[in-house]
């Protein structure tokens, strides 16, 4: 084969290879892409659709890193757990802004959603410490904080708890729950990427509770965790105690948006008679603009 022919053949092969590579690039996407930064998933009552990724999926973000002193722990009713949060300079963070009356909120959830705790560790020289009630299995810990001079973040990490693990059965859709004699109902639908209003109503012995007490500056706190990856969303209700318009129950209203369709586990903290209690729910979020699928025998109205 003469030289011009060889060159022409080489050019043809190169064009084919380049075309295949271009197609693969379109399918797979760019390799060198900067990881999106996510502010935690705190959303106020006027929150709408957000393009930020949910909080709690990363151990490190924006230069801050959550590190447990021990990645394993024994089971028990009061297990010591400690951790540090290092800043962009690599040193433990020692200065935090107060949010909802605390410098840091720690959420501990067993990955099968059979355990949930919301506690407030103490800070000593850059190390946070608290006790947790832990059963055997894998737990996800979320540190919800705002370092002074930084942005509000929620970082997450796993804690392995020793012992014989017994998986809890999968939870089904539930919009009414009972805790310590209190019945709490959830009304409202979640839809991916759309603002949703959720109303949680508290009653006891068949009577509405109209004297809920402020807890961390609000009549209720709601944590939502996406099934599967436990993406974290922390929201707060409309209004605040003492604003002249927000009633202390029985309804606590939230506005929020979830990032995707699927199952979400919701945990409401509320205080009455000096005791903080947690009501748990499981709901299904539809795609954008879709309402949740109705369960067999359910009417088209919201459940109460």
C-alpha atoms as a PDB file:
ATOM      1  CA  UNK A   1       0.000   0.000   0.000  1.00  0.00           C
ATOM      2  CA  UNK A   2       1.396   3.441  -0.954  1.00  0.00           C
ATOM      3  CA  UNK A   3       1.897   6.186   1.623  1.00  0.00           C
ATOM      4  CA  UNK A   4      -1.170   8.311   0.728  1.00  0.00           C
ATOM      5  CA  UNK A   5      -3.403   5.248   0.998  1.00  0.00           C
ATOM      6  CA  UNK A   6      -1.956   4.309   4.380  1.00  0.00           C
ATOM      7  CA  UNK A   7      -2.526   7.845   5.655  1.00  0.00           C
ATOM      8  CA  UNK A   8      -6.087   7.859   4.390  1.00  0.00           C
ATOM      9  CA  UNK A   9      -6.766   4.526   6.118  1.00  0.00           C
ATOM     10  CA  UNK A  10      -5.265   5.784   9.371  1.00  0.00           C
ATOM     11  CA  UNK A  11      -7.405   8.920   9.225  1.00  0.00           C
ATOM     12  CA  UNK A  12     -10.527   6.836   8.756  1.00  0.00           C
ATOM     13  CA  UNK A  13      -9.761   4.634  11.754  1.00  0.00           C
ATOM     14  CA  UNK A  14      -8.974   7.686  13.872  1.00  0.00           C
ATOM     15  CA  UNK A  15     -12.307   9.244  12.948  1.00  0.00           C
ATOM     16  CA  UNK A  16     -14.163   6.095  13.984  1.00  0.00           C
ATOM     17  CA  UNK A  17     -12.290   5.904  17.313  1.00  0.00           C
ATOM     18  CA  UNK A  18     -12.916   9.583  17.988  1.00  0.00           C
ATOM     19  CA  UNK A  19     -16.609   9.157  17.234  1.00  0.00           C
ATOM     20  CA  UNK A  20     -16.889   6.200  19.617  1.00  0.00           C
ATOM     21  CA  UNK A  21     -15.056   8.121  22.327  1.00  0.00           C
ATOM     22  CA  UNK A  22     -17.322  11.136  21.842  1.00  0.00           C
ATOM     23  CA  UNK A  23     -20.432   8.966  22.096  1.00  0.00           C
ATOM     24  CA  UNK A  24     -19.105   7.284  25.251  1.00  0.00           C
ATOM     25  CA  UNK A  25     -18.381  10.659  26.745  1.00  0.00           C
ATOM     26  CA  UNK A  26     -21.950  11.726  26.156  1.00  0.00           C
ATOM     27  CA  UNK A  27     -23.259   8.554  27.746  1.00  0.00           C
ATOM     28  CA  UNK A  28     -20.923   8.347  30.724  1.00  0.00           C
ATOM     29  CA  UNK A  29     -20.439  12.080  31.273  1.00  0.00           C
ATOM     30  CA  UNK A  30     -17.243  13.983  31.994  1.00  0.00           C
ATOM     31  CA  UNK A  31     -14.769  12.236  34.256  1.00  0.00           C
ATOM     32  CA  UNK A  32     -13.171  15.267  35.872  1.00  0.00           C
ATOM     33  CA  UNK A  33     -16.235  16.895  37.434  1.00  0.00           C
ATOM     34  CA  UNK A  34     -16.054  18.851  40.663  1.00  0.00           C
ATOM     35  CA  UNK A  35     -18.241  17.298  43.340  1.00  0.00           C
ATOM     36  CA  UNK A  36     -21.285  19.490  43.983  1.00  0.00           C
ATOM     37  CA  UNK A  37     -21.262  21.215  47.304  1.00  0.00           C
ATOM     38  CA  UNK A  38     -24.280  20.729  49.516  1.00  0.00           C
ATOM     39  CA  UNK A  39     -25.389  22.891  52.252  1.00  0.00           C
ATOM     40  CA  UNK A  40     -27.177  20.805  54.686  1.00  0.00           C
ATOM     41  CA  UNK A  41     -30.818  20.300  54.067  1.00  0.00           C
ATOM     42  CA  UNK A  42     -32.124  22.890  56.518  1.00  0.00           C
ATOM     43  CA  UNK A  43     -35.101  24.535  54.920  1.00  0.00           C
ATOM     44  CA  UNK A  44     -37.308  27.279  56.321  1.00  0.00           C
ATOM     45  CA  UNK A  45     -41.058  27.422  55.970  1.00  0.00           C
ATOM     46  CA  UNK A  46     -40.764  29.340  52.694  1.00  0.00           C
ATOM     47  CA  UNK A  47     -38.451  26.770  51.114  1.00  0.00           C
ATOM     48  CA  UNK A  48     -39.187  25.706  47.597  1.00  0.00           C
ATOM     49  CA  UNK A  49     -37.553  23.407  45.118  1.00  0.00           C
ATOM     50  CA  UNK A  50     -33.842  23.004  45.753  1.00  0.00           C
ATOM     51  CA  UNK A  51     -31.094  21.806  43.486  1.00  0.00           C
ATOM     52  CA  UNK A  52     -28.680  21.205  46.341  1.00  0.00           C
ATOM     53  CA  UNK A  53     -27.898  17.620  47.218  1.00  0.00           C
ATOM     54  CA  UNK A  54     -29.295  16.462  50.573  1.00  0.00           C
ATOM     55  CA  UNK A  55     -27.242  16.647  53.728  1.00  0.00           C
ATOM     56  CA  UNK A  56     -25.696  13.741  55.580  1.00  0.00           C
ATOM     57  CA  UNK A  57     -24.443  11.802  52.576  1.00  0.00           C
ATOM     58  CA  UNK A  58     -20.843  12.898  53.000  1.00  0.00           C
ATOM     59  CA  UNK A  59     -18.343  12.617  55.840  1.00  0.00           C
ATOM     60  CA  UNK A  60     -16.340  15.544  54.448  1.00  0.00           C
ATOM     61  CA  UNK A  61     -17.693  18.670  52.805  1.00  0.00           C
ATOM     62  CA  UNK A  62     -16.508  22.225  52.209  1.00  0.00           C
ATOM     63  CA  UNK A  63     -13.288  21.499  54.095  1.00  0.00           C
ATOM     64  CA  UNK A  64     -15.025  20.119  57.197  1.00  0.00           C
ATOM     65  CA  UNK A  65     -14.717  16.458  58.235  1.00  0.00           C
ATOM     66  CA  UNK A  66     -16.616  14.409  60.812  1.00  0.00           C
ATOM     67  CA  UNK A  67     -14.452  11.758  62.532  1.00  0.00           C
ATOM     68  CA  UNK A  68     -15.584   9.321  65.213  1.00  0.00           C
ATOM     69  CA  UNK A  69     -13.056   8.475  67.921  1.00  0.00           C
ATOM     70  CA  UNK A  70     -14.121   4.855  67.424  1.00  0.00           C
ATOM     71  CA  UNK A  71     -15.898   3.434  64.400  1.00  0.00           C
ATOM     72  CA  UNK A  72     -17.206   0.509  66.489  1.00  0.00           C
ATOM     73  CA  UNK A  73     -19.110   0.457  69.771  1.00  0.00           C
ATOM     74  CA  UNK A  74     -20.738  -2.066  72.090  1.00  0.00           C
ATOM     75  CA  UNK A  75     -24.492  -2.302  72.447  1.00  0.00           C
ATOM     76  CA  UNK A  76     -26.029  -0.731  75.525  1.00  0.00           C
ATOM     77  CA  UNK A  77     -28.468   1.802  76.919  1.00  0.00           C
ATOM     78  CA  UNK A  78     -25.822   4.494  77.568  1.00  0.00           C
ATOM     79  CA  UNK A  79     -22.858   3.972  75.262  1.00  0.00           C
ATOM     80  CA  UNK A  80     -20.267   6.786  75.218  1.00  0.00           C
ATOM     81  CA  UNK A  81     -19.700   8.178  71.729  1.00  0.00           C
ATOM     82  CA  UNK A  82     -17.247  10.955  70.890  1.00  0.00           C
ATOM     83  CA  UNK A  83     -16.172  12.673  67.700  1.00  0.00           C
ATOM     84  CA  UNK A  84     -14.430  15.710  66.281  1.00  0.00           C
ATOM     85  CA  UNK A  85     -15.146  18.020  63.389  1.00  0.00           C
ATOM     86  CA  UNK A  86     -12.026  19.353  61.743  1.00  0.00           C
ATOM     87  CA  UNK A  87     -12.062  22.507  59.679  1.00  0.00           C
ATOM     88  CA  UNK A  88     -10.350  23.581  56.451  1.00  0.00           C
ATOM     89  CA  UNK A  89      -7.113  24.138  58.414  1.00  0.00           C
ATOM     90  CA  UNK A  90      -7.121  20.510  59.601  1.00  0.00           C
ATOM     91  CA  UNK A  91      -7.604  21.451  63.247  1.00  0.00           C
ATOM     92  CA  UNK A  92     -10.642  20.546  65.392  1.00  0.00           C
ATOM     93  CA  UNK A  93     -13.344  23.204  65.241  1.00  0.00           C
ATOM     94  CA  UNK A  94     -13.926  24.807  68.643  1.00  0.00           C
ATOM     95  CA  UNK A  95     -16.264  27.693  67.784  1.00  0.00           C
ATOM     96  CA  UNK A  96     -19.843  27.096  66.622  1.00  0.00           C
ATOM     97  CA  UNK A  97     -22.863  29.296  66.073  1.00  0.00           C
ATOM     98  CA  UNK A  98     -26.000  28.487  68.060  1.00  0.00           C
ATOM     99  CA  UNK A  99     -28.815  27.114  65.905  1.00  0.00           C
ATOM    100  CA  UNK A 100     -32.167  26.229  67.434  1.00  0.00           C
ATOM    101  CA  UNK A 101     -30.708  26.852  70.888  1.00  0.00           C
ATOM    102  CA  UNK A 102     -27.817  24.398  70.479  1.00  0.00           C
ATOM    103  CA  UNK A 103     -24.338  24.495  68.913  1.00  0.00           C
ATOM    104  CA  UNK A 104     -24.701  21.010  67.426  1.00  0.00           C
ATOM    105  CA  UNK A 105     -27.496  18.511  66.923  1.00  0.00           C
ATOM    106  CA  UNK A 106     -26.614  14.817  66.647  1.00  0.00           C
ATOM    107  CA  UNK A 107     -29.083  12.427  65.016  1.00  0.00           C
ATOM    108  CA  UNK A 108     -28.456   8.685  65.373  1.00  0.00           C
ATOM    109  CA  UNK A 109     -30.498   6.274  63.228  1.00  0.00           C
ATOM    110  CA  UNK A 110     -30.132   2.533  62.803  1.00  0.00           C
ATOM    111  CA  UNK A 111     -29.969   1.797  59.095  1.00  0.00           C
ATOM    112  CA  UNK A 112     -33.115  -0.339  59.188  1.00  0.00           C
ATOM    113  CA  UNK A 113     -34.908   2.647  60.804  1.00  0.00           C
ATOM    114  CA  UNK A 114     -35.679   0.710  63.996  1.00  0.00           C
ATOM    115  CA  UNK A 115     -33.863   3.220  66.205  1.00  0.00           C
ATOM    116  CA  UNK A 116     -33.819   7.032  66.277  1.00  0.00           C
ATOM    117  CA  UNK A 117     -32.258   9.534  68.688  1.00  0.00           C
ATOM    118  CA  UNK A 118     -31.828  13.311  68.626  1.00  0.00           C
ATOM    119  CA  UNK A 119     -29.293  14.407  71.235  1.00  0.00           C
ATOM    120  CA  UNK A 120     -27.024  17.346  71.990  1.00  0.00           C
ATOM    121  CA  UNK A 121     -23.429  16.414  72.818  1.00  0.00           C
ATOM    122  CA  UNK A 122     -21.122  18.514  74.969  1.00  0.00           C
ATOM    123  CA  UNK A 123     -17.976  20.131  73.571  1.00  0.00           C
ATOM    124  CA  UNK A 124     -14.629  19.918  75.369  1.00  0.00           C
ATOM    125  CA  UNK A 125     -11.478  21.130  73.648  1.00  0.00           C
ATOM    126  CA  UNK A 126     -12.722  20.332  70.157  1.00  0.00           C
ATOM    127  CA  UNK A 127     -14.177  16.908  71.022  1.00  0.00           C
ATOM    128  CA  UNK A 128     -17.917  16.298  71.194  1.00  0.00           C
ATOM    129  CA  UNK A 129     -19.206  13.625  73.598  1.00  0.00           C
ATOM    130  CA  UNK A 130     -22.573  12.080  74.406  1.00  0.00           C
ATOM    131  CA  UNK A 131     -24.235   8.797  75.384  1.00  0.00           C
ATOM    132  CA  UNK A 132     -26.437   6.847  72.975  1.00  0.00           C
ATOM    133  CA  UNK A 133     -28.774   3.882  73.394  1.00  0.00           C
ATOM    134  CA  UNK A 134     -27.466   1.449  70.786  1.00  0.00           C
ATOM    135  CA  UNK A 135     -28.633  -1.948  69.593  1.00  0.00           C
ATOM    136  CA  UNK A 136     -26.480  -4.275  67.421  1.00  0.00           C
ATOM    137  CA  UNK A 137     -26.265  -3.280  63.785  1.00  0.00           C
ATOM    138  CA  UNK A 138     -25.147  -0.435  61.562  1.00  0.00           C
ATOM    139  CA  UNK A 139     -26.031   3.083  62.667  1.00  0.00           C
ATOM    140  CA  UNK A 140     -25.797   6.346  60.758  1.00  0.00           C
ATOM    141  CA  UNK A 141     -24.792   9.423  62.741  1.00  0.00           C
ATOM    142  CA  UNK A 142     -25.551  12.939  61.491  1.00  0.00           C
ATOM    143  CA  UNK A 143     -23.852  16.028  62.890  1.00  0.00           C
ATOM    144  CA  UNK A 144     -25.938  19.120  62.180  1.00  0.00           C
ATOM    145  CA  UNK A 145     -23.945  22.313  62.870  1.00  0.00           C
ATOM    146  CA  UNK A 146     -22.636  25.683  61.723  1.00  0.00           C
ATOM    147  CA  UNK A 147     -18.996  26.404  62.449  1.00  0.00           C
ATOM    148  CA  UNK A 148     -18.419  30.083  63.143  1.00  0.00           C
ATOM    149  CA  UNK A 149     -17.511  31.717  59.854  1.00  0.00           C
ATOM    150  CA  UNK A 150     -18.704  28.743  57.817  1.00  0.00           C
ATOM    151  CA  UNK A 151     -21.944  27.548  56.275  1.00  0.00           C
ATOM    152  CA  UNK A 152     -24.515  25.328  57.967  1.00  0.00           C
ATOM    153  CA  UNK A 153     -23.732  21.683  57.227  1.00  0.00           C
ATOM    154  CA  UNK A 154     -24.910  18.188  57.991  1.00  0.00           C
ATOM    155  CA  UNK A 155     -22.178  15.550  57.859  1.00  0.00           C
ATOM    156  CA  UNK A 156     -22.795  11.828  58.246  1.00  0.00           C
ATOM    157  CA  UNK A 157     -20.773   8.771  59.199  1.00  0.00           C
ATOM    158  CA  UNK A 158     -21.418   5.128  60.117  1.00  0.00           C
ATOM    159  CA  UNK A 159     -21.034   3.457  63.504  1.00  0.00           C
ATOM    160  CA  UNK A 160     -20.899  -0.340  63.776  1.00  0.00           C
ATOM    161  CA  UNK A 161     -22.483  -1.685  66.960  1.00  0.00           C
ATOM    162  CA  UNK A 162     -21.334  -5.109  68.116  1.00  0.00           C
ATOM    163  CA  UNK A 163     -23.705  -7.945  68.955  1.00  0.00           C
ATOM    164  CA  UNK A 164     -26.220 -10.272  67.352  1.00  0.00           C
ATOM    165  CA  UNK A 165     -28.045  -8.289  64.707  1.00  0.00           C
ATOM    166  CA  UNK A 166     -31.770  -8.802  64.269  1.00  0.00           C
ATOM    167  CA  UNK A 167     -33.149  -6.977  61.262  1.00  0.00           C
ATOM    168  CA  UNK A 168     -36.406  -5.150  61.804  1.00  0.00           C
ATOM    169  CA  UNK A 169     -39.225  -5.846  59.340  1.00  0.00           C
ATOM    170  CA  UNK A 170     -39.654  -3.334  56.555  1.00  0.00           C
ATOM    171  CA  UNK A 171     -41.999  -0.535  57.518  1.00  0.00           C
ATOM    172  CA  UNK A 172     -45.099   0.125  55.480  1.00  0.00           C
ATOM    173  CA  UNK A 173     -46.731   3.464  54.741  1.00  0.00           C
ATOM    174  CA  UNK A 174     -47.953   4.898  58.051  1.00  0.00           C
ATOM    175  CA  UNK A 175     -49.539   8.275  58.704  1.00  0.00           C
ATOM    176  CA  UNK A 176     -50.812   7.712  62.225  1.00  0.00           C
ATOM    177  CA  UNK A 177     -48.663   6.683  65.161  1.00  0.00           C
ATOM    178  CA  UNK A 178     -49.028   6.368  68.926  1.00  0.00           C
ATOM    179  CA  UNK A 179     -46.276   7.194  71.421  1.00  0.00           C
ATOM    180  CA  UNK A 180     -46.738   7.213  75.211  1.00  0.00           C
ATOM    181  CA  UNK A 181     -50.497   7.546  74.814  1.00  0.00           C
ATOM    182  CA  UNK A 182     -50.267  10.404  72.321  1.00  0.00           C
ATOM    183  CA  UNK A 183     -51.711   9.913  68.853  1.00  0.00           C
ATOM    184  CA  UNK A 184     -50.042  11.874  66.065  1.00  0.00           C
ATOM    185  CA  UNK A 185     -51.399  12.037  62.520  1.00  0.00           C
ATOM    186  CA  UNK A 186     -49.734  13.338  59.386  1.00  0.00           C
ATOM    187  CA  UNK A 187     -51.689  15.042  56.622  1.00  0.00           C
ATOM    188  CA  UNK A 188     -50.130  16.123  53.321  1.00  0.00           C
ATOM    189  CA  UNK A 189     -48.247  14.633  50.375  1.00  0.00           C
ATOM    190  CA  UNK A 190     -44.577  14.680  49.432  1.00  0.00           C
ATOM    191  CA  UNK A 191     -43.660  15.212  45.799  1.00  0.00           C
ATOM    192  CA  UNK A 192     -40.111  15.263  44.461  1.00  0.00           C
ATOM    193  CA  UNK A 193     -38.807  18.753  43.790  1.00  0.00           C
ATOM    194  CA  UNK A 194     -42.046  20.455  44.797  1.00  0.00           C
ATOM    195  CA  UNK A 195     -42.907  22.390  47.930  1.00  0.00           C
ATOM    196  CA  UNK A 196     -45.203  20.387  50.198  1.00  0.00           C
ATOM    197  CA  UNK A 197     -47.206  21.315  53.280  1.00  0.00           C
ATOM    198  CA  UNK A 198     -47.291  18.710  56.032  1.00  0.00           C
ATOM    199  CA  UNK A 199     -49.589  19.075  59.014  1.00  0.00           C
ATOM    200  CA  UNK A 200     -48.898  16.966  62.088  1.00  0.00           C
ATOM    201  CA  UNK A 201     -51.670  16.881  64.679  1.00  0.00           C
ATOM    202  CA  UNK A 202     -51.195  15.767  68.283  1.00  0.00           C
ATOM    203  CA  UNK A 203     -53.964  14.407  70.492  1.00  0.00           C
ATOM    204  CA  UNK A 204     -54.212  12.449  73.736  1.00  0.00           C
ATOM    205  CA  UNK A 205     -57.115  10.376  75.022  1.00  0.00           C
ATOM    206  CA  UNK A 206     -59.113  11.515  72.011  1.00  0.00           C
ATOM    207  CA  UNK A 207     -58.658  15.224  72.761  1.00  0.00           C
ATOM    208  CA  UNK A 208     -56.468  17.652  70.806  1.00  0.00           C
ATOM    209  CA  UNK A 209     -53.347  18.793  72.635  1.00  0.00           C
ATOM    210  CA  UNK A 210     -53.461  22.589  72.631  1.00  0.00           C
ATOM    211  CA  UNK A 211     -50.632  23.291  75.055  1.00  0.00           C
ATOM    212  CA  UNK A 212     -47.530  21.913  73.363  1.00  0.00           C
ATOM    213  CA  UNK A 213     -44.372  23.294  74.923  1.00  0.00           C
ATOM    214  CA  UNK A 214     -41.494  24.954  73.064  1.00  0.00           C
ATOM    215  CA  UNK A 215     -38.596  22.625  72.417  1.00  0.00           C
ATOM    216  CA  UNK A 216     -35.416  24.132  70.989  1.00  0.00           C
ATOM    217  CA  UNK A 217     -37.370  27.251  70.095  1.00  0.00           C
ATOM    218  CA  UNK A 218     -40.219  25.543  68.237  1.00  0.00           C
ATOM    219  CA  UNK A 219     -43.360  23.465  68.802  1.00  0.00           C
ATOM    220  CA  UNK A 220     -41.931  20.623  66.750  1.00  0.00           C
ATOM    221  CA  UNK A 221     -38.906  19.437  64.822  1.00  0.00           C
ATOM    222  CA  UNK A 222     -39.118  17.151  61.818  1.00  0.00           C
ATOM    223  CA  UNK A 223     -36.337  14.999  60.401  1.00  0.00           C
ATOM    224  CA  UNK A 224     -36.833  13.179  57.095  1.00  0.00           C
ATOM    225  CA  UNK A 225     -34.557  10.369  55.928  1.00  0.00           C
ATOM    226  CA  UNK A 226     -34.727   8.899  52.451  1.00  0.00           C
ATOM    227  CA  UNK A 227     -34.955   5.125  52.309  1.00  0.00           C
ATOM    228  CA  UNK A 228     -31.819   3.433  51.020  1.00  0.00           C
ATOM    229  CA  UNK A 229     -29.061   6.037  51.320  1.00  0.00           C
ATOM    230  CA  UNK A 230     -30.511   7.883  54.361  1.00  0.00           C
ATOM    231  CA  UNK A 231     -30.229  11.275  52.705  1.00  0.00           C
ATOM    232  CA  UNK A 232     -31.040  13.754  55.461  1.00  0.00           C
ATOM    233  CA  UNK A 233     -33.552  16.585  55.499  1.00  0.00           C
ATOM    234  CA  UNK A 234     -34.123  18.674  58.631  1.00  0.00           C
ATOM    235  CA  UNK A 235     -37.021  21.115  58.633  1.00  0.00           C
ATOM    236  CA  UNK A 236     -38.827  23.336  61.080  1.00  0.00           C
ATOM    237  CA  UNK A 237     -42.434  24.436  61.344  1.00  0.00           C
ATOM    238  CA  UNK A 238     -44.304  27.583  60.427  1.00  0.00           C
ATOM    239  CA  UNK A 239     -44.019  30.284  63.039  1.00  0.00           C
ATOM    240  CA  UNK A 240     -42.495  30.120  66.493  1.00  0.00           C
ATOM    241  CA  UNK A 241     -43.702  30.238  70.085  1.00  0.00           C
ATOM    242  CA  UNK A 242     -44.644  33.714  71.232  1.00  0.00           C
ATOM    243  CA  UNK A 243     -44.975  35.259  67.772  1.00  0.00           C
ATOM    244  CA  UNK A 244     -48.629  36.058  68.382  1.00  0.00           C
ATOM    245  CA  UNK A 245     -49.958  33.888  65.578  1.00  0.00           C
ATOM    246  CA  UNK A 246     -48.621  30.363  66.084  1.00  0.00           C
ATOM    247  CA  UNK A 247     -50.860  28.199  68.277  1.00  0.00           C
ATOM    248  CA  UNK A 248     -49.272  25.635  70.634  1.00  0.00           C
ATOM    249  CA  UNK A 249     -51.041  22.717  68.971  1.00  0.00           C
ATOM    250  CA  UNK A 250     -52.706  20.558  68.113  1.00  0.00           C
ATOM    251  CA  UNK A 251     -51.377  21.223  64.595  1.00  0.00           C
ATOM    252  CA  UNK A 252     -47.731  21.770  63.724  1.00  0.00           C
ATOM    253  CA  UNK A 253     -47.297  22.776  60.080  1.00  0.00           C
ATOM    254  CA  UNK A 254     -44.175  22.254  57.985  1.00  0.00           C
ATOM    255  CA  UNK A 255     -43.262  23.248  54.444  1.00  0.00           C
ATOM    256  CA  UNK A 256     -40.525  21.273  52.771  1.00  0.00           C
ATOM    257  CA  UNK A 257     -39.356  19.690  49.536  1.00  0.00           C
ATOM    258  CA  UNK A 258     -37.807  16.254  49.121  1.00  0.00           C
ATOM    259  CA  UNK A 259     -35.111  15.713  46.489  1.00  0.00           C
ATOM    260  CA  UNK A 260     -36.491  12.600  44.790  1.00  0.00           C
ATOM    261  CA  UNK A 261     -39.360  10.165  44.621  1.00  0.00           C
ATOM    262  CA  UNK A 262     -39.324   7.183  46.977  1.00  0.00           C
ATOM    263  CA  UNK A 263     -39.845   6.199  50.582  1.00  0.00           C
ATOM    264  CA  UNK A 264     -39.116   8.631  53.406  1.00  0.00           C
ATOM    265  CA  UNK A 265     -39.003   8.037  57.137  1.00  0.00           C
ATOM    266  CA  UNK A 266     -40.173  11.042  59.156  1.00  0.00           C
ATOM    267  CA  UNK A 267     -39.516  11.672  62.845  1.00  0.00           C
ATOM    268  CA  UNK A 268     -41.364  14.391  64.748  1.00  0.00           C
ATOM    269  CA  UNK A 269     -39.950  15.594  68.088  1.00  0.00           C
ATOM    270  CA  UNK A 270     -42.521  17.384  70.269  1.00  0.00           C
ATOM    271  CA  UNK A 271     -42.690  18.316  73.938  1.00  0.00           C
ATOM    272  CA  UNK A 272     -45.624  18.079  76.329  1.00  0.00           C
ATOM    273  CA  UNK A 273     -45.761  17.927  80.126  1.00  0.00           C
ATOM    274  CA  UNK A 274     -42.003  18.474  80.212  1.00  0.00           C
ATOM    275  CA  UNK A 275     -41.147  15.353  78.174  1.00  0.00           C
ATOM    276  CA  UNK A 276     -39.844  15.229  74.599  1.00  0.00           C
ATOM    277  CA  UNK A 277     -41.339  12.420  72.545  1.00  0.00           C
ATOM    278  CA  UNK A 278     -40.719  11.209  68.996  1.00  0.00           C
ATOM    279  CA  UNK A 279     -43.435  10.130  66.573  1.00  0.00           C
ATOM    280  CA  UNK A 280     -42.293   8.126  63.534  1.00  0.00           C
ATOM    281  CA  UNK A 281     -43.942   7.898  60.100  1.00  0.00           C
ATOM    282  CA  UNK A 282     -43.224   6.278  56.733  1.00  0.00           C
ATOM    283  CA  UNK A 283     -44.470   8.027  53.604  1.00  0.00           C
ATOM    284  CA  UNK A 284     -44.009   7.724  49.868  1.00  0.00           C
ATOM    285  CA  UNK A 285     -43.058  10.694  47.714  1.00  0.00           C
ATOM    286  CA  UNK A 286     -44.209  10.698  44.112  1.00  0.00           C
ATOM    287  CA  UNK A 287     -42.420  12.234  41.166  1.00  0.00           C
ATOM    288  CA  UNK A 288     -42.661  15.956  40.467  1.00  0.00           C
ATOM    289  CA  UNK A 289     -46.277  16.987  40.632  1.00  0.00           C
ATOM    290  CA  UNK A 290     -47.459  13.532  41.674  1.00  0.00           C
ATOM    291  CA  UNK A 291     -49.280  12.729  44.881  1.00  0.00           C
ATOM    292  CA  UNK A 292     -48.536   9.623  46.902  1.00  0.00           C
ATOM    293  CA  UNK A 293     -50.063   6.343  45.716  1.00  0.00           C
ATOM    294  CA  UNK A 294     -53.262   5.473  47.550  1.00  0.00           C
ATOM    295  CA  UNK A 295     -53.337   2.391  49.708  1.00  0.00           C
ATOM    296  CA  UNK A 296     -55.987  -0.264  49.257  1.00  0.00           C
ATOM    297  CA  UNK A 297     -59.313   0.898  50.634  1.00  0.00           C
ATOM    298  CA  UNK A 298     -58.159   4.504  51.187  1.00  0.00           C
ATOM    299  CA  UNK A 299     -60.363   7.378  50.113  1.00  0.00           C
ATOM    300  CA  UNK A 300     -59.106  10.165  47.915  1.00  0.00           C
ATOM    301  CA  UNK A 301     -58.967  12.604  50.829  1.00  0.00           C
ATOM    302  CA  UNK A 302     -55.974  13.059  53.123  1.00  0.00           C
ATOM    303  CA  UNK A 303     -55.708  10.639  56.031  1.00  0.00           C
ATOM    304  CA  UNK A 304     -56.479  12.045  59.484  1.00  0.00           C
END
